[in-house]
Protein backbone atom coordinates (compact mmCIF):
# COMPACT_ATOMS: atom_id res chain seq x y z
CA UNK A 1 38.46 15.51 44.03
CA UNK A 2 37.71 17.71 47.03
CA UNK A 3 34.80 20.13 47.16
CA UNK A 4 37.25 23.01 47.21
CA UNK A 5 38.95 21.73 44.05
CA UNK A 6 35.57 21.32 42.36
CA UNK A 7 34.70 24.90 43.31
CA UNK A 8 38.07 26.19 42.09
CA UNK A 9 37.48 24.56 38.70
CA UNK A 10 33.93 25.86 38.51
CA UNK A 11 35.06 29.43 39.29
CA UNK A 12 37.90 29.16 36.77
CA UNK A 13 35.56 27.90 34.07
CA UNK A 14 33.04 30.63 34.89
CA UNK A 15 35.72 33.29 34.35
CA UNK A 16 37.10 31.64 31.19
CA UNK A 17 33.66 31.37 29.59
CA UNK A 18 33.22 35.11 30.04
CA UNK A 19 36.79 36.00 28.99
CA UNK A 20 37.43 37.51 32.42
CA UNK A 21 40.91 36.07 32.93
CA UNK A 22 42.22 39.30 31.44
CA UNK A 23 40.74 41.18 34.42
CA UNK A 24 41.49 38.60 37.10
CA UNK A 25 44.98 39.58 38.14
CA UNK A 26 45.87 38.95 41.77
CA UNK A 27 45.88 42.75 42.24
CA UNK A 28 42.38 43.24 40.84
CA UNK A 29 40.98 40.20 42.63
CA UNK A 30 42.49 41.38 45.93
CA UNK A 31 40.85 44.75 45.48
CA UNK A 32 37.50 43.12 44.67
CA UNK A 33 37.83 40.91 47.74
CA UNK A 34 38.37 43.88 50.05
CA UNK A 35 35.36 45.67 48.53
CA UNK A 36 33.23 42.63 49.34
CA UNK A 37 34.70 42.50 52.85
CA UNK A 38 33.63 46.11 53.29
CA UNK A 39 30.12 45.20 52.17
CA UNK A 40 30.11 42.41 54.76
CA UNK A 41 31.16 44.79 57.51
CA UNK A 42 28.31 47.15 56.66
CA UNK A 43 25.83 44.54 57.87
CA UNK A 44 27.41 44.57 61.32
CA UNK A 45 28.19 48.26 61.63
CA UNK A 46 26.35 49.92 64.49
CA UNK A 47 24.69 46.79 65.87
CA UNK A 48 25.48 45.33 69.26
CA UNK A 49 27.84 42.39 69.53
CA UNK A 50 25.00 40.23 70.83
CA UNK A 51 22.83 41.20 67.83
CA UNK A 52 25.53 39.99 65.44
CA UNK A 53 24.83 36.42 66.59
CA UNK A 54 21.10 36.64 65.92
CA UNK A 55 20.61 38.35 62.57
CA UNK A 56 17.14 38.55 61.08
CA UNK A 57 16.64 36.10 58.18
CA UNK A 58 16.87 38.79 55.48
CA UNK A 59 20.11 40.20 56.88
CA UNK A 60 21.54 36.70 57.38
CA UNK A 61 20.86 35.96 53.69
CA UNK A 62 22.66 39.16 52.69
CA UNK A 63 25.62 38.25 54.93
CA UNK A 64 25.69 34.79 53.35
CA UNK A 65 25.95 36.35 49.89
CA UNK A 66 28.78 38.65 50.95
CA UNK A 67 30.67 35.74 52.51
CA UNK A 68 30.21 33.76 49.30
CA UNK A 69 31.55 36.69 47.25
CA UNK A 70 34.60 36.90 49.53
CA UNK A 71 35.17 33.16 49.36
CA UNK A 72 34.90 33.09 45.55
CA UNK A 73 37.45 35.90 45.22
CA UNK A 74 39.73 34.21 47.74
CA UNK A 75 39.61 30.91 45.85
CA UNK A 76 40.20 32.75 42.56
CA UNK A 77 43.24 34.65 43.88
CA UNK A 78 44.74 31.46 45.25
CA UNK A 79 44.12 29.73 41.91
CA UNK A 80 45.77 32.55 39.97
CA UNK A 81 48.83 32.33 42.23
CA UNK A 82 48.96 28.53 42.48
CA UNK A 83 48.38 28.53 46.24
CA UNK A 84 46.80 25.50 47.91
CA UNK A 85 44.51 27.18 50.44
CA UNK A 86 44.05 24.08 52.57
CA UNK A 87 47.79 23.45 52.96
CA UNK A 88 48.48 27.16 53.49
CA UNK A 89 45.78 27.30 56.17
CA UNK A 90 47.23 24.31 58.01
CA UNK A 91 50.67 25.96 57.95
CA UNK A 92 49.19 29.21 59.22
CA UNK A 93 47.41 27.46 62.11
CA UNK A 94 50.72 25.84 63.10
CA UNK A 95 52.45 29.21 62.94
CA UNK A 96 49.71 30.81 65.04
CA UNK A 97 49.91 27.97 67.57
CA UNK A 98 53.60 28.80 68.06
CA UNK A 99 52.86 32.54 68.39
CA UNK A 100 49.92 32.03 70.72
CA UNK A 101 50.70 29.21 73.18
CA UNK A 102 47.54 28.16 75.03
CA UNK A 103 49.09 28.60 78.47
CA UNK A 104 50.01 32.23 77.67
CA UNK A 105 46.95 33.47 75.83
CA UNK A 106 43.92 31.53 77.02
CA UNK A 107 41.09 34.05 77.46
CA UNK A 108 43.21 36.99 76.27
CA UNK A 109 42.87 39.04 73.11
CA UNK A 110 46.40 40.43 73.30
CA UNK A 111 48.60 40.24 70.24
CA UNK A 112 51.66 37.97 70.46
CA UNK A 113 53.92 41.03 70.58
CA UNK A 114 52.25 42.14 73.84
CA UNK A 115 53.37 39.30 76.13
C-alpha cells in the first residue's frame, strides 16, 4: 500500500469517526480547500520573491500547516469522487508536455495560447 493510500484511509477514517461524511461533499471540500489556499497566500503577501525562499522558522511552520490542510482536503475530495490523484497527475503532466513543448517555452512564462 502506498503512503498516499495509507493517508487517504487515515483521512477517511478520521472523518467517519466524527460523522463528518455528511459535510464532506465535493462542493464543501472544494470550498474548504480554497479557504486554506487563501490562508497560505497570506503568508507570502507583500514579501519579496527572494524572501519567499527563506522564510523564518515560525512562518515556515505556519506555511507547512497550511500546505498540509490543502493536501488533506485535496486527498479527501479525490477520495469522495473516486479519483486516483497519482494517475490523474501523470495524465496532466503528459497533457502539459504536449501544450508546452520544451523547444517553444524554455525560459518563458507565456501561456500555451500565446505562442
